[in-house]
């Protein structure tokens, strides 16, 4: 929702009750064949054609950036940097922090090896972000982008991930900057 809020696009949320198995219903699978959220349907695409459904958060962010011509640089170097960091989140930060949450918070059996593995990997990834953010204000470079939108929600539960933002001063500055954005505040309300 951060991208939609930042781009000031109108949207309607349709809850999917995963406890009732709604994510396996044929009508949802037609939108998101991987039976996961998020997924969107754009009823007014940029080409004025038929509605387009998009699943997977990274694909949704790219789609919305291209639709609105915002949050994704047009120049090849800027665009490449933003897509690198978007894909870094999709392939690294999200899965590793997700496993951190699963084994540390939700797994019925606490497996010390798994907990330590994912806490340490999350810590390593925070370090990667911190080093990047020592050189530039945002992950993609000078401007806030879809790379930041994708990564920010994975840092929000830093305490549950057994991390300390004070150990990552550049990441903390970035985190506080994004948390104060009006669109971020709206999205989290």
Protein backbone atom coordinates (compact mmCIF):
# COMPACT_ATOMS: atom_id res chain seq x y z
CA UNK A 1 0.00 0.00 0.00
CA UNK A 2 2.99 2.32 0.41
CA UNK A 3 3.41 2.69 -3.34
CA UNK A 4 -0.27 3.38 -3.84
CA UNK A 5 -0.29 5.92 -1.00
CA UNK A 6 2.88 7.62 -2.28
CA UNK A 7 1.55 7.79 -5.83
CA UNK A 8 -1.81 9.13 -4.60
CA UNK A 9 -3.72 6.47 -6.52
CA UNK A 10 -7.25 5.59 -5.47
CA UNK A 11 -7.60 2.04 -4.22
CA UNK A 12 -9.98 -0.32 -2.48
CA UNK A 13 -8.71 -2.99 -0.12
CA UNK A 14 -10.31 -6.42 -0.46
CA UNK A 15 -9.38 -8.52 2.59
CA UNK A 16 -8.39 -12.12 1.95
CA UNK A 17 -9.17 -14.31 4.95
CA UNK A 18 -6.26 -16.74 4.98
CA UNK A 19 -7.63 -18.51 8.08
CA UNK A 20 -10.67 -19.44 5.95
CA UNK A 21 -8.48 -20.47 3.00
CA UNK A 22 -9.64 -17.61 0.74
CA UNK A 23 -6.19 -17.54 -0.85
CA UNK A 24 -6.95 -20.93 -2.43
CA UNK A 25 -10.25 -19.91 -3.98
CA UNK A 26 -10.20 -20.01 -7.78
CA UNK A 27 -11.06 -16.32 -8.10
CA UNK A 28 -8.05 -15.35 -5.96
CA UNK A 29 -5.74 -17.83 -7.70
CA UNK A 30 -6.71 -16.20 -11.00
CA UNK A 31 -5.10 -13.01 -9.67
CA UNK A 32 -2.29 -14.56 -7.62
CA UNK A 33 -1.41 -18.08 -8.76
CA UNK A 34 1.09 -18.40 -5.89
CA UNK A 35 -1.82 -17.90 -3.43
CA UNK A 36 0.02 -15.11 -1.61
CA UNK A 37 -0.55 -11.44 -0.90
CA UNK A 38 -0.15 -8.80 -2.12
CA UNK A 39 -1.95 -8.85 -5.42
CA UNK A 40 -3.69 -6.05 -7.28
CA UNK A 41 -6.11 -5.50 -10.09
CA UNK A 42 -5.69 -2.25 -11.98
CA UNK A 43 -9.01 -1.44 -13.59
CA UNK A 44 -7.60 1.63 -15.33
CA UNK A 45 -4.19 0.70 -16.69
CA UNK A 46 -1.93 3.21 -18.38
CA UNK A 47 -2.80 1.89 -21.84
CA UNK A 48 -6.56 2.33 -21.19
CA UNK A 49 -7.04 -1.36 -22.01
CA UNK A 50 -8.66 -4.14 -20.00
CA UNK A 51 -7.93 -4.58 -16.31
CA UNK A 52 -4.52 -5.99 -15.41
CA UNK A 53 -3.85 -8.19 -12.39
CA UNK A 54 -0.37 -8.21 -10.87
CA UNK A 55 0.98 -10.44 -8.12
CA UNK A 56 4.26 -10.40 -6.16
CA UNK A 57 5.31 -7.25 -4.34
CA UNK A 58 8.32 -6.43 -6.52
CA UNK A 59 6.29 -6.80 -9.71
CA UNK A 60 3.52 -4.64 -8.24
CA UNK A 61 6.01 -1.91 -7.31
CA UNK A 62 7.56 -1.94 -10.80
CA UNK A 63 4.11 -1.88 -12.39
CA UNK A 64 2.92 1.08 -10.29
CA UNK A 65 6.18 2.99 -10.83
CA UNK A 66 5.87 2.55 -14.58
CA UNK A 67 2.16 3.43 -14.52
CA UNK A 68 2.72 6.66 -12.59
CA UNK A 69 6.17 7.55 -13.93
CA UNK A 70 7.30 7.96 -10.32
CA UNK A 71 9.78 6.31 -7.95
CA UNK A 72 11.84 4.69 -10.74
CA UNK A 73 14.45 6.81 -12.52
CA UNK A 74 14.36 7.07 -16.29
CA UNK A 75 18.14 7.18 -16.71
CA UNK A 76 19.80 3.78 -17.12
CA UNK A 77 22.15 4.10 -14.14
CA UNK A 78 19.48 5.27 -11.72
CA UNK A 79 16.97 2.71 -12.95
CA UNK A 80 19.55 -0.07 -12.65
CA UNK A 81 20.45 0.92 -9.09
CA UNK A 82 16.81 0.99 -8.03
CA UNK A 83 16.02 -2.38 -9.64
CA UNK A 84 19.16 -3.93 -8.10
CA UNK A 85 18.04 -2.89 -4.63
CA UNK A 86 14.45 -3.90 -5.30
CA UNK A 87 15.59 -7.36 -6.37
CA UNK A 88 17.99 -7.47 -3.39
CA UNK A 89 15.00 -7.01 -1.10
CA UNK A 90 12.84 -9.54 -2.95
CA UNK A 91 15.58 -12.18 -3.04
CA UNK A 92 17.35 -11.46 0.24
CA UNK A 93 15.98 -9.16 2.91
CA UNK A 94 12.36 -10.29 2.62
CA UNK A 95 12.98 -14.05 2.62
CA UNK A 96 15.64 -13.93 5.33
CA UNK A 97 13.71 -11.58 7.63
CA UNK A 98 10.62 -13.70 6.97
CA UNK A 99 12.46 -16.82 8.11
CA UNK A 100 13.72 -14.84 11.11
CA UNK A 101 10.11 -14.05 12.03
CA UNK A 102 8.96 -17.61 11.44
CA UNK A 103 11.58 -19.40 13.50
CA UNK A 104 11.86 -16.71 16.19
CA UNK A 105 8.17 -15.90 16.64
CA UNK A 106 5.83 -18.45 15.10
CA UNK A 107 7.45 -21.88 14.82
CA UNK A 108 5.81 -24.29 17.26
CA UNK A 109 9.23 -25.79 17.98
CA UNK A 110 12.07 -23.39 18.77
CA UNK A 111 15.13 -24.56 16.85
CA UNK A 112 18.16 -22.65 18.15
CA UNK A 113 20.23 -23.26 15.01
CA UNK A 114 17.50 -21.83 12.75
CA UNK A 115 16.85 -18.86 15.01
CA UNK A 116 20.57 -18.01 15.19
CA UNK A 117 21.01 -18.52 11.44
CA UNK A 118 18.25 -16.09 10.46
CA UNK A 119 18.97 -13.52 13.16
CA UNK A 120 22.58 -13.44 11.97
CA UNK A 121 21.60 -13.26 8.29
CA UNK A 122 19.17 -10.42 9.01
CA UNK A 123 21.99 -8.66 10.84
CA UNK A 124 24.30 -9.13 7.84
CA UNK A 125 21.66 -7.70 5.50
CA UNK A 126 21.11 -4.72 7.77
CA UNK A 127 24.87 -4.17 7.48
CA UNK A 128 24.63 -4.28 3.68
CA UNK A 129 21.94 -1.58 3.81
CA UNK A 130 23.89 0.48 6.33
CA UNK A 131 27.00 0.51 4.12
CA UNK A 132 24.95 1.48 1.07
CA UNK A 133 23.18 4.23 3.00
CA UNK A 134 26.51 5.64 4.18
CA UNK A 135 27.06 6.71 0.54
CA UNK A 136 23.55 7.72 -0.59
CA UNK A 137 20.38 8.95 1.14
CA UNK A 138 18.16 6.17 -0.24
CA UNK A 139 18.80 2.61 -1.38
CA UNK A 140 18.50 3.44 -5.07
CA UNK A 141 20.57 6.63 -4.77
CA UNK A 142 19.61 10.26 -4.31
CA UNK A 143 15.84 9.86 -4.42
CA UNK A 144 13.21 7.83 -2.60
CA UNK A 145 12.15 4.92 -4.81
CA UNK A 146 10.38 1.59 -5.02
CA UNK A 147 13.54 -0.01 -3.57
CA UNK A 148 12.93 1.91 -0.34
CA UNK A 149 9.21 1.09 -0.40
CA UNK A 150 10.01 -2.60 -0.70
CA UNK A 151 12.65 -2.67 2.03
CA UNK A 152 11.15 -0.42 4.69
CA UNK A 153 8.40 -2.81 5.89
CA UNK A 154 11.02 -5.49 6.54
CA UNK A 155 12.90 -3.15 8.88
CA UNK A 156 9.81 -1.98 10.79
CA UNK A 157 9.85 -5.06 13.09
CA UNK A 158 13.58 -4.75 13.80
CA UNK A 159 13.13 -5.54 17.50
CA UNK A 160 11.24 -8.77 16.77
CA UNK A 161 14.08 -9.64 14.41
CA UNK A 162 16.48 -9.28 17.37
CA UNK A 163 18.26 -6.34 15.74
CA UNK A 164 19.41 -3.00 17.13
CA UNK A 165 19.06 -0.04 14.78
CA UNK A 166 21.55 1.93 16.89
CA UNK A 167 24.24 -0.41 15.51
CA UNK A 168 23.37 0.76 11.99
CA UNK A 169 23.36 4.59 12.08
CA UNK A 170 22.85 5.08 8.34
CA UNK A 171 20.03 2.56 8.24
CA UNK A 172 18.46 4.24 11.29
CA UNK A 173 18.60 7.65 9.56
CA UNK A 174 16.95 6.14 6.46
CA UNK A 175 14.35 4.33 8.55
CA UNK A 176 13.42 7.48 10.49
CA UNK A 177 13.24 9.51 7.26
CA UNK A 178 10.83 7.06 5.64
CA UNK A 179 8.76 6.62 8.82
CA UNK A 180 8.15 10.40 8.83
CA UNK A 181 6.88 10.52 5.22
CA UNK A 182 3.19 11.47 5.12
CA UNK A 183 2.43 8.59 2.75
CA UNK A 184 4.12 6.10 5.10
CA UNK A 185 2.13 7.44 8.04
CA UNK A 186 -1.11 7.11 6.00
CA UNK A 187 -0.26 3.59 4.88
CA UNK A 188 0.41 2.42 8.44
CA UNK A 189 -2.73 4.03 9.82
